[in-house]
Amino acid sequence: MTKTMKASECKAKFLGVLDEVASTHERVIVTKNGKPVAEIVPFVERPKTIVGALKGSVIHMGDLDAPSESGEPPKA
């Protein structure tokens, strides 16, 4: 869910808005006269190298070509 906030309100609560964006990872759209003028988004730290960038995002499920224990094909 995206939160929308007037520029004047954002200015008054800016440090709190930054803390909220960091903790909830939800962006905030800042408006002026009802029109969007800025977006505050959470910072995503990227790895320095491509090696290891996907670490932890792949799960090994075992041998997919091995027959199942029941002898029946796996259900999708």
Protein backbone atom coordinates (compact mmCIF):
# COMPACT_ATOMS: atom_id res chain seq x y z
CA MET A 1 0.00 0.00 0.00
CA THR A 2 1.33 3.42 -0.92
CA LYS A 3 0.89 6.34 1.43
CA THR A 4 0.25 9.85 0.09
CA MET A 5 1.22 12.94 2.07
CA LYS A 6 1.08 16.68 1.54
CA ALA A 7 4.47 18.40 1.24
CA SER A 8 3.78 20.59 4.27
CA GLU A 9 2.93 17.56 6.42
CA CYS A 10 5.98 15.70 5.12
CA LYS A 11 8.22 18.66 5.95
CA ALA A 12 6.90 18.81 9.51
CA LYS A 13 7.29 15.05 10.08
CA PHE A 14 10.22 14.28 7.77
CA LEU A 15 12.43 12.28 10.14
CA GLY A 16 9.45 10.21 11.26
CA VAL A 17 8.47 9.62 7.63
CA LEU A 18 11.99 8.36 6.89
CA ASP A 19 11.85 6.00 9.87
CA GLU A 20 8.45 4.69 8.76
CA VAL A 21 9.63 4.08 5.18
CA ALA A 22 12.71 2.26 6.48
CA SER A 23 10.72 0.02 8.85
CA THR A 24 7.68 -0.77 6.66
CA HIS A 25 9.46 -0.75 3.27
CA GLU A 26 6.46 1.13 1.83
CA ARG A 27 6.91 4.17 -0.36
CA VAL A 28 5.42 7.60 0.33
CA ILE A 29 4.20 9.90 -2.44
CA VAL A 30 4.60 13.60 -1.60
CA THR A 31 2.06 15.96 -3.17
CA LYS A 32 1.90 19.69 -3.72
CA ASN A 33 -1.50 21.19 -4.58
CA GLY A 34 -2.84 17.65 -4.98
CA LYS A 35 -0.26 16.63 -7.61
CA PRO A 36 2.57 14.15 -6.96
CA VAL A 37 5.97 15.85 -6.90
CA ALA A 38 8.24 13.34 -5.13
CA GLU A 39 8.45 9.79 -3.92
CA ILE A 40 10.26 8.54 -0.83
CA VAL A 41 11.29 4.91 -1.30
CA PRO A 42 13.16 2.51 0.98
CA PHE A 43 16.86 2.08 0.25
CA VAL A 44 17.83 -1.36 -1.07
CA GLU A 45 21.51 -2.14 -0.62
CA ARG A 46 22.89 -3.91 -3.65
CA PRO A 47 25.83 -6.31 -3.51
CA LYS A 48 29.18 -4.93 -4.64
CA THR A 49 29.66 -7.84 -7.06
CA ILE A 50 27.34 -10.13 -8.97
CA VAL A 51 28.95 -13.17 -7.31
CA GLY A 52 26.72 -14.17 -4.43
CA ALA A 53 23.96 -11.72 -5.37
CA LEU A 54 21.34 -14.49 -5.40
CA LYS A 55 22.64 -16.26 -2.29
CA GLY A 56 19.74 -17.60 -0.25
CA SER A 57 17.16 -17.05 -2.99
CA VAL A 58 17.32 -20.58 -4.47
CA ILE A 59 16.04 -23.62 -2.58
CA HIS A 60 17.38 -27.10 -3.40
CA MET A 61 14.41 -29.48 -3.49
CA GLY A 62 16.31 -32.70 -4.20
CA ASP A 63 16.63 -34.76 -7.37
CA LEU A 64 13.72 -33.86 -9.63
CA ASP A 65 14.36 -36.82 -11.95
CA ALA A 66 14.26 -39.44 -9.18
CA PRO A 67 11.06 -41.46 -8.81
CA SER A 68 8.84 -40.53 -5.89
CA GLU A 69 8.57 -42.82 -2.87
CA SER A 70 5.01 -43.86 -3.82
CA GLY A 71 5.94 -44.54 -7.43
CA GLU A 72 3.39 -42.00 -8.66
CA PRO A 73 4.34 -38.79 -10.48
CA PRO A 74 4.33 -35.69 -8.29
CA LYS A 75 1.17 -33.60 -8.28
CA ALA A 76 1.44 -30.07 -9.67
